[in-house]
C-alpha atoms as a PDB file:
ATOM      1  CA  MET A   1     -90.948  44.462 146.073  1.00  0.00           C
ATOM      2  CA  LYS A   2     -92.930  41.313 145.363  1.00  0.00           C
ATOM      3  CA  HIS A   3     -96.447  40.950 146.716  1.00  0.00           C
ATOM      4  CA  THR A   4     -97.465  37.337 147.260  1.00  0.00           C
ATOM      5  CA  LEU A   5    -100.725  35.586 147.917  1.00  0.00           C
ATOM      6  CA  ASP A   6    -100.282  36.400 151.607  1.00  0.00           C
ATOM      7  CA  ASP A   7    -100.711  40.115 150.961  1.00  0.00           C
ATOM      8  CA  LYS A   8    -104.150  41.680 151.224  1.00  0.00           C
ATOM      9  CA  PRO A   9    -104.450  44.819 149.085  1.00  0.00           C
ATOM     10  CA  ARG A  10    -107.638  46.746 148.381  1.00  0.00           C
ATOM     11  CA  GLY A  11    -110.849  44.791 148.790  1.00  0.00           C
ATOM     12  CA  GLY A  12    -109.036  41.882 150.456  1.00  0.00           C
ATOM     13  CA  ARG A  13    -108.173  40.335 147.076  1.00  0.00           C
ATOM     14  CA  PRO A  14    -104.601  38.958 147.079  1.00  0.00           C
ATOM     15  CA  TRP A  15    -101.845  39.898 144.664  1.00  0.00           C
ATOM     16  CA  SER A  16     -99.705  37.199 143.122  1.00  0.00           C
ATOM     17  CA  PHE A  17     -97.274  39.299 141.087  1.00  0.00           C
ATOM     18  CA  ASP A  18     -94.394  41.728 141.465  1.00  0.00           C
ATOM     19  CA  ARG A  19     -95.938  45.205 141.669  1.00  0.00           C
ATOM     20  CA  ASP A  20     -92.713  47.030 140.776  1.00  0.00           C
ATOM     21  CA  LYS A  21     -92.198  44.843 137.720  1.00  0.00           C
ATOM     22  CA  ALA A  22     -95.832  45.389 136.737  1.00  0.00           C
ATOM     23  CA  LEU A  23     -95.395  49.163 136.935  1.00  0.00           C
ATOM     24  CA  HIS A  24     -92.218  48.966 134.878  1.00  0.00           C
ATOM     25  CA  MET A  25     -93.874  46.878 132.165  1.00  0.00           C
ATOM     26  CA  ALA A  26     -96.919  49.140 132.107  1.00  0.00           C
ATOM     27  CA  MET A  27     -94.742  52.242 131.947  1.00  0.00           C
ATOM     28  CA  THR A  28     -92.913  50.879 128.915  1.00  0.00           C
ATOM     29  CA  LEU A  29     -96.200  50.206 127.109  1.00  0.00           C
ATOM     30  CA  PHE A  30     -97.843  53.524 128.001  1.00  0.00           C
ATOM     31  CA  TRP A  31     -94.679  55.460 127.170  1.00  0.00           C
ATOM     32  CA  ARG A  32     -94.312  53.753 123.810  1.00  0.00           C
ATOM     33  CA  HIS A  33     -97.937  53.701 122.669  1.00  0.00           C
ATOM     34  CA  GLY A  34     -99.775  56.244 124.808  1.00  0.00           C
ATOM     35  CA  TYR A  35    -102.645  55.557 127.188  1.00  0.00           C
ATOM     36  CA  GLU A  36    -105.278  54.987 124.530  1.00  0.00           C
ATOM     37  CA  GLY A  37    -102.916  52.880 122.443  1.00  0.00           C
ATOM     38  CA  VAL A  38    -102.622  50.243 125.161  1.00  0.00           C
ATOM     39  CA  SER A  39    -105.471  47.829 125.862  1.00  0.00           C
ATOM     40  CA  LEU A  40    -106.199  45.925 129.035  1.00  0.00           C
ATOM     41  CA  ALA A  41    -105.265  42.761 127.139  1.00  0.00           C
ATOM     42  CA  ASP A  42    -101.879  44.300 126.266  1.00  0.00           C
ATOM     43  CA  LEU A  43    -101.264  45.074 129.926  1.00  0.00           C
ATOM     44  CA  THR A  44    -102.298  41.704 131.322  1.00  0.00           C
ATOM     45  CA  LYS A  45    -100.257  39.865 128.688  1.00  0.00           C
ATOM     46  CA  ALA A  46     -97.119  41.927 129.349  1.00  0.00           C
ATOM     47  CA  ILE A  47     -97.429  41.693 133.124  1.00  0.00           C
ATOM     48  CA  GLY A  48     -98.576  38.073 133.090  1.00  0.00           C
ATOM     49  CA  VAL A  49    -101.701  38.418 135.216  1.00  0.00           C
ATOM     50  CA  ALA A  50    -105.441  38.106 134.780  1.00  0.00           C
ATOM     51  CA  PRO A  51    -107.609  41.259 134.719  1.00  0.00           C
ATOM     52  CA  PRO A  52    -109.041  40.650 138.224  1.00  0.00           C
ATOM     53  CA  SER A  53    -105.534  40.723 139.716  1.00  0.00           C
ATOM     54  CA  LEU A  54    -104.726  43.944 137.884  1.00  0.00           C
ATOM     55  CA  TYR A  55    -107.947  45.567 139.068  1.00  0.00           C
ATOM     56  CA  ALA A  56    -107.322  44.369 142.618  1.00  0.00           C
ATOM     57  CA  ALA A  57    -103.917  46.042 142.646  1.00  0.00           C
ATOM     58  CA  PHE A  58    -104.688  49.303 140.842  1.00  0.00           C
ATOM     59  CA  GLY A  59    -108.465  49.650 140.704  1.00  0.00           C
ATOM     60  CA  SER A  60    -108.629  50.252 136.960  1.00  0.00           C
ATOM     61  CA  LYS A  61    -106.527  50.871 133.880  1.00  0.00           C
ATOM     62  CA  ALA A  62    -106.691  54.583 134.732  1.00  0.00           C
ATOM     63  CA  GLY A  63    -105.519  53.859 138.263  1.00  0.00           C
ATOM     64  CA  LEU A  64    -102.588  51.892 136.880  1.00  0.00           C
ATOM     65  CA  TYR A  65    -101.744  54.775 134.537  1.00  0.00           C
ATOM     66  CA  LYS A  66    -101.675  57.261 137.418  1.00  0.00           C
ATOM     67  CA  SER A  67     -99.413  54.940 139.395  1.00  0.00           C
ATOM     68  CA  VAL A  68     -97.147  54.683 136.357  1.00  0.00           C
ATOM     69  CA  LEU A  69     -97.021  58.478 136.041  1.00  0.00           C
ATOM     70  CA  ASP A  70     -96.089  58.785 139.716  1.00  0.00           C
ATOM     71  CA  ARG A  71     -93.317  56.253 139.190  1.00  0.00           C
ATOM     72  CA  TYR A  72     -92.145  58.040 136.043  1.00  0.00           C
ATOM     73  CA  GLU A  73     -92.005  61.462 137.695  1.00  0.00           C
ATOM     74  CA  ALA A  74     -90.040  60.067 140.629  1.00  0.00           C
ATOM     75  CA  GLY A  75     -87.650  58.099 138.430  1.00  0.00           C
ATOM     76  CA  ALA A  76     -87.046  58.183 134.685  1.00  0.00           C
ATOM     77  CA  GLY A  77     -88.717  61.559 134.210  1.00  0.00           C
ATOM     78  CA  TYR A  78     -87.339  63.278 137.310  1.00  0.00           C
ATOM     79  CA  LEU A  79     -85.822  66.698 136.633  1.00  0.00           C
ATOM     80  CA  ASP A  80     -83.561  67.826 139.459  1.00  0.00           C
ATOM     81  CA  VAL A  81     -84.008  71.596 139.485  1.00  0.00           C
ATOM     82  CA  GLU A  82     -81.266  71.906 142.081  1.00  0.00           C
ATOM     83  CA  ILE A  83     -78.782  71.706 139.221  1.00  0.00           C
ATOM     84  CA  THR A  84     -79.437  75.435 138.846  1.00  0.00           C
ATOM     85  CA  ASN A  85     -77.699  76.082 142.172  1.00  0.00           C
ATOM     86  CA  SER A  86     -74.425  76.427 140.292  1.00  0.00           C
ATOM     87  CA  ALA A  87     -75.849  78.785 137.647  1.00  0.00           C
ATOM     88  CA  GLY A  88     -74.288  82.213 137.284  1.00  0.00           C
ATOM     89  CA  GLY A  89     -77.421  83.819 135.886  1.00  0.00           C
ATOM     90  CA  LEU A  90     -80.707  83.230 134.089  1.00  0.00           C
ATOM     91  CA  PRO A  91     -79.283  82.031 130.734  1.00  0.00           C
ATOM     92  CA  ASP A  92     -76.995  79.596 132.536  1.00  0.00           C
ATOM     93  CA  ALA A  93     -79.863  78.277 134.678  1.00  0.00           C
ATOM     94  CA  VAL A  94     -82.068  77.746 131.628  1.00  0.00           C
ATOM     95  CA  LYS A  95     -79.231  75.998 129.813  1.00  0.00           C
ATOM     96  CA  LEU A  96     -78.760  73.562 132.696  1.00  0.00           C
ATOM     97  CA  LEU A  97     -82.491  72.813 132.832  1.00  0.00           C
ATOM     98  CA  LEU A  98     -82.838  72.291 129.083  1.00  0.00           C
ATOM     99  CA  GLU A  99     -79.727  70.127 128.878  1.00  0.00           C
ATOM    100  CA  ALA A 100     -81.212  67.966 131.627  1.00  0.00           C
ATOM    101  CA  ALA A 101     -84.462  67.754 129.648  1.00  0.00           C
ATOM    102  CA  VAL A 102     -82.518  66.559 126.596  1.00  0.00           C
ATOM    103  CA  ALA A 103     -80.805  63.890 128.689  1.00  0.00           C
ATOM    104  CA  ILE A 104     -84.136  62.669 130.089  1.00  0.00           C
ATOM    105  CA  ALA A 105     -85.769  62.546 126.649  1.00  0.00           C
ATOM    106  CA  THR A 106     -82.951  60.587 125.018  1.00  0.00           C
ATOM    107  CA  ARG A 107     -81.714  58.060 127.571  1.00  0.00           C
ATOM    108  CA  ARG A 108     -80.834  54.856 125.764  1.00  0.00           C
ATOM    109  CA  GLU A 109     -82.484  52.605 128.338  1.00  0.00           C
ATOM    110  CA  ASN A 110     -85.843  54.382 128.051  1.00  0.00           C
ATOM    111  CA  GLU A 111     -88.406  55.223 125.441  1.00  0.00           C
ATOM    112  CA  ARG A 112     -87.843  58.629 123.896  1.00  0.00           C
ATOM    113  CA  GLY A 113     -89.679  61.764 124.913  1.00  0.00           C
ATOM    114  CA  CYS A 114     -91.568  62.648 128.083  1.00  0.00           C
ATOM    115  CA  MET A 115     -94.674  60.797 129.252  1.00  0.00           C
ATOM    116  CA  VAL A 116     -96.102  63.883 130.946  1.00  0.00           C
ATOM    117  CA  SER A 117     -95.328  66.436 128.226  1.00  0.00           C
ATOM    118  CA  THR A 118     -97.027  64.447 125.486  1.00  0.00           C
ATOM    119  CA  GLY A 119     -99.524  62.436 127.516  1.00  0.00           C
ATOM    120  CA  LEU A 120    -103.193  62.632 126.466  1.00  0.00           C
ATOM    121  CA  ILE A 121    -102.869  66.000 124.713  1.00  0.00           C
ATOM    122  CA  THR A 122    -105.912  64.838 122.772  1.00  0.00           C
ATOM    123  CA  CYS A 123    -108.127  62.014 123.962  1.00  0.00           C
ATOM    124  CA  HIS A 124    -111.533  60.397 123.926  1.00  0.00           C
ATOM    125  CA  PRO A 125    -114.050  62.183 126.195  1.00  0.00           C
ATOM    126  CA  ASP A 126    -114.091  59.099 128.417  1.00  0.00           C
ATOM    127  CA  ASN A 127    -110.520  59.958 129.399  1.00  0.00           C
ATOM    128  CA  ASP A 128    -111.052  63.650 130.172  1.00  0.00           C
ATOM    129  CA  GLU A 129    -110.370  63.102 133.870  1.00  0.00           C
ATOM    130  CA  LEU A 130    -106.976  61.592 133.097  1.00  0.00           C
ATOM    131  CA  ALA A 131    -106.230  64.414 130.665  1.00  0.00           C
ATOM    132  CA  ARG A 132    -106.962  66.909 133.440  1.00  0.00           C
ATOM    133  CA  ASP A 133    -104.644  64.984 135.749  1.00  0.00           C
ATOM    134  CA  LEU A 134    -101.832  65.314 133.220  1.00  0.00           C
ATOM    135  CA  ALA A 135    -102.588  69.002 132.680  1.00  0.00           C
ATOM    136  CA  MET A 136    -102.287  69.503 136.438  1.00  0.00           C
ATOM    137  CA  ARG A 137     -98.943  67.708 136.429  1.00  0.00           C
ATOM    138  CA  ARG A 138     -97.726  70.033 133.673  1.00  0.00           C
ATOM    139  CA  GLU A 139     -98.991  73.046 135.635  1.00  0.00           C
ATOM    140  CA  LYS A 140     -97.071  71.779 138.655  1.00  0.00           C
ATOM    141  CA  SER A 141     -93.929  71.591 136.504  1.00  0.00           C
ATOM    142  CA  LEU A 142     -94.533  75.161 135.348  1.00  0.00           C
ATOM    143  CA  GLN A 143     -94.792  76.405 138.923  1.00  0.00           C
ATOM    144  CA  GLN A 144     -91.687  74.466 139.894  1.00  0.00           C
ATOM    145  CA  LEU A 145     -89.738  76.117 137.088  1.00  0.00           C
ATOM    146  CA  ALA A 146     -91.084  79.544 138.036  1.00  0.00           C
ATOM    147  CA  ASP A 147     -90.009  79.036 141.642  1.00  0.00           C
ATOM    148  CA  VAL A 148     -86.502  78.041 140.573  1.00  0.00           C
ATOM    149  CA  LEU A 149     -86.090  80.835 138.028  1.00  0.00           C
ATOM    150  CA  ALA A 150     -87.341  83.420 140.532  1.00  0.00           C
ATOM    151  CA  ARG A 151     -83.764  83.526 141.813  1.00  0.00           C
ATOM    152  CA  PHE A 152     -82.663  84.909 138.460  1.00  0.00           C
ATOM    153  CA  ALA A 153     -85.639  87.016 137.321  1.00  0.00           C
ATOM    154  CA  CYS A 154     -88.385  88.871 139.129  1.00  0.00           C
ATOM    155  CA  GLY A 155     -92.126  89.451 139.068  1.00  0.00           C
ATOM    156  CA  GLU A 156     -94.395  88.439 136.210  1.00  0.00           C
ATOM    157  CA  LYS A 157     -91.332  88.019 134.010  1.00  0.00           C
ATOM    158  CA  THR A 158     -90.433  84.870 135.945  1.00  0.00           C
ATOM    159  CA  ARG A 159     -93.616  83.026 135.018  1.00  0.00           C
ATOM    160  CA  ARG A 160     -93.371  84.087 131.374  1.00  0.00           C
ATOM    161  CA  ILE A 161     -89.843  82.741 131.155  1.00  0.00           C
ATOM    162  CA  ALA A 162     -90.841  79.554 132.977  1.00  0.00           C
ATOM    163  CA  ARG A 163     -93.666  79.005 130.494  1.00  0.00           C
ATOM    164  CA  HIS A 164     -91.235  79.558 127.632  1.00  0.00           C
ATOM    165  CA  VAL A 165     -88.780  77.060 129.109  1.00  0.00           C
ATOM    166  CA  LEU A 166     -91.517  74.472 129.685  1.00  0.00           C
ATOM    167  CA  SER A 167     -92.725  74.934 126.105  1.00  0.00           C
ATOM    168  CA  VAL A 168     -89.196  74.297 124.839  1.00  0.00           C
ATOM    169  CA  MET A 169     -88.964  71.194 127.028  1.00  0.00           C
ATOM    170  CA  GLN A 170     -92.208  69.907 125.544  1.00  0.00           C
ATOM    171  CA  GLY A 171     -90.867  70.606 122.072  1.00  0.00           C
ATOM    172  CA  ILE A 172     -87.676  68.739 122.902  1.00  0.00           C
ATOM    173  CA  SER A 173     -89.788  65.770 123.974  1.00  0.00           C
ATOM    174  CA  ILE A 174     -91.694  65.723 120.690  1.00  0.00           C
ATOM    175  CA  GLN A 175     -88.538  66.184 118.624  1.00  0.00           C
ATOM    176  CA  ALA A 176     -86.903  63.317 120.513  1.00  0.00           C
ATOM    177  CA  ARG A 177     -89.915  61.100 119.782  1.00  0.00           C
ATOM    178  CA  ASP A 178     -89.605  62.019 116.118  1.00  0.00           C
ATOM    179  CA  GLY A 179     -85.983  60.891 116.054  1.00  0.00           C
ATOM    180  CA  ALA A 180     -83.977  64.082 116.492  1.00  0.00           C
ATOM    181  CA  THR A 181     -80.401  63.397 117.557  1.00  0.00           C
ATOM    182  CA  VAL A 182     -78.919  64.582 120.830  1.00  0.00           C
ATOM    183  CA  GLU A 183     -76.795  67.022 118.866  1.00  0.00           C
ATOM    184  CA  GLU A 184     -79.852  68.466 117.130  1.00  0.00           C
ATOM    185  CA  LEU A 185     -81.645  68.856 120.439  1.00  0.00           C
ATOM    186  CA  HIS A 186     -78.657  70.656 121.913  1.00  0.00           C
ATOM    187  CA  GLU A 187     -78.808  73.056 118.981  1.00  0.00           C
ATOM    188  CA  ILE A 188     -82.313  73.989 120.168  1.00  0.00           C
ATOM    189  CA  VAL A 189     -80.930  74.596 123.649  1.00  0.00           C
ATOM    190  CA  ASP A 190     -78.145  76.770 122.255  1.00  0.00           C
ATOM    191  CA  GLU A 191     -80.620  78.918 120.324  1.00  0.00           C
ATOM    192  CA  VAL A 192     -82.793  79.472 123.386  1.00  0.00           C
ATOM    193  CA  VAL A 193     -79.832  80.332 125.595  1.00  0.00           C
ATOM    194  CA  TRP A 194     -78.418  82.680 122.958  1.00  0.00           C
ATOM    195  CA  GLY A 195     -81.738  84.516 122.836  1.00  0.00           C
ATOM    196  CA  LEU A 196     -81.813  84.900 126.611  1.00  0.00           C
ATOM    197  CA  LYS A 197     -78.252  86.196 126.675  1.00  0.00           C
ATOM    198  CA  GLU A 198     -79.094  88.751 124.008  1.00  0.00           C
ATOM    199  CA  ARG A 199     -82.085  89.892 126.031  1.00  0.00           C
ATOM    200  CA  PHE A 200     -80.726  89.876 129.564  1.00  0.00           C
ATOM    201  CA  ASP A 201     -76.996  90.422 129.137  1.00  0.00           C
ATOM    202  CA  ALA A 202     -77.328  93.329 126.725  1.00  0.00           C
END
């Protein structure tokens, strides 16, 4: 969707660029270099706009980053937990989720890894608010996993398993960033699933 000079976003200042393209370009930069590794100059050069136009559209660099994260979670980083509907038990459900995480972290058309899993794990104090935002997104993912896995496990055990699965997903993201192959990442999945089968199928 292209916003032209006829549009009147926040503050009445007009946009003169394609917002979707801007988000895509910003996502590529943030995903590749991290939030603190991307300057305002990097963003304006890649998008092809002056800083005032960027601020008019997103409010700030932080506002742009949050918009990028929303776009990422709805698109490239979306994990469809409904794939577990076909699972025959807990190990099978976890396998489906982890295999999906591998696919997300290694898609050829994207940067490797997960923007949310590895985003602002450490940061300058000025960016603490953004770090908290990402922590909340990870907590939301944890709860989502717990809700899905509740069909296969019960009580406090569900949240423990969900936390374990999320930790493995985060590890997969880091390994993918470090250059692990798809086959190597699937070996991680196999080990986790084997452990669950030993525990719950025994």
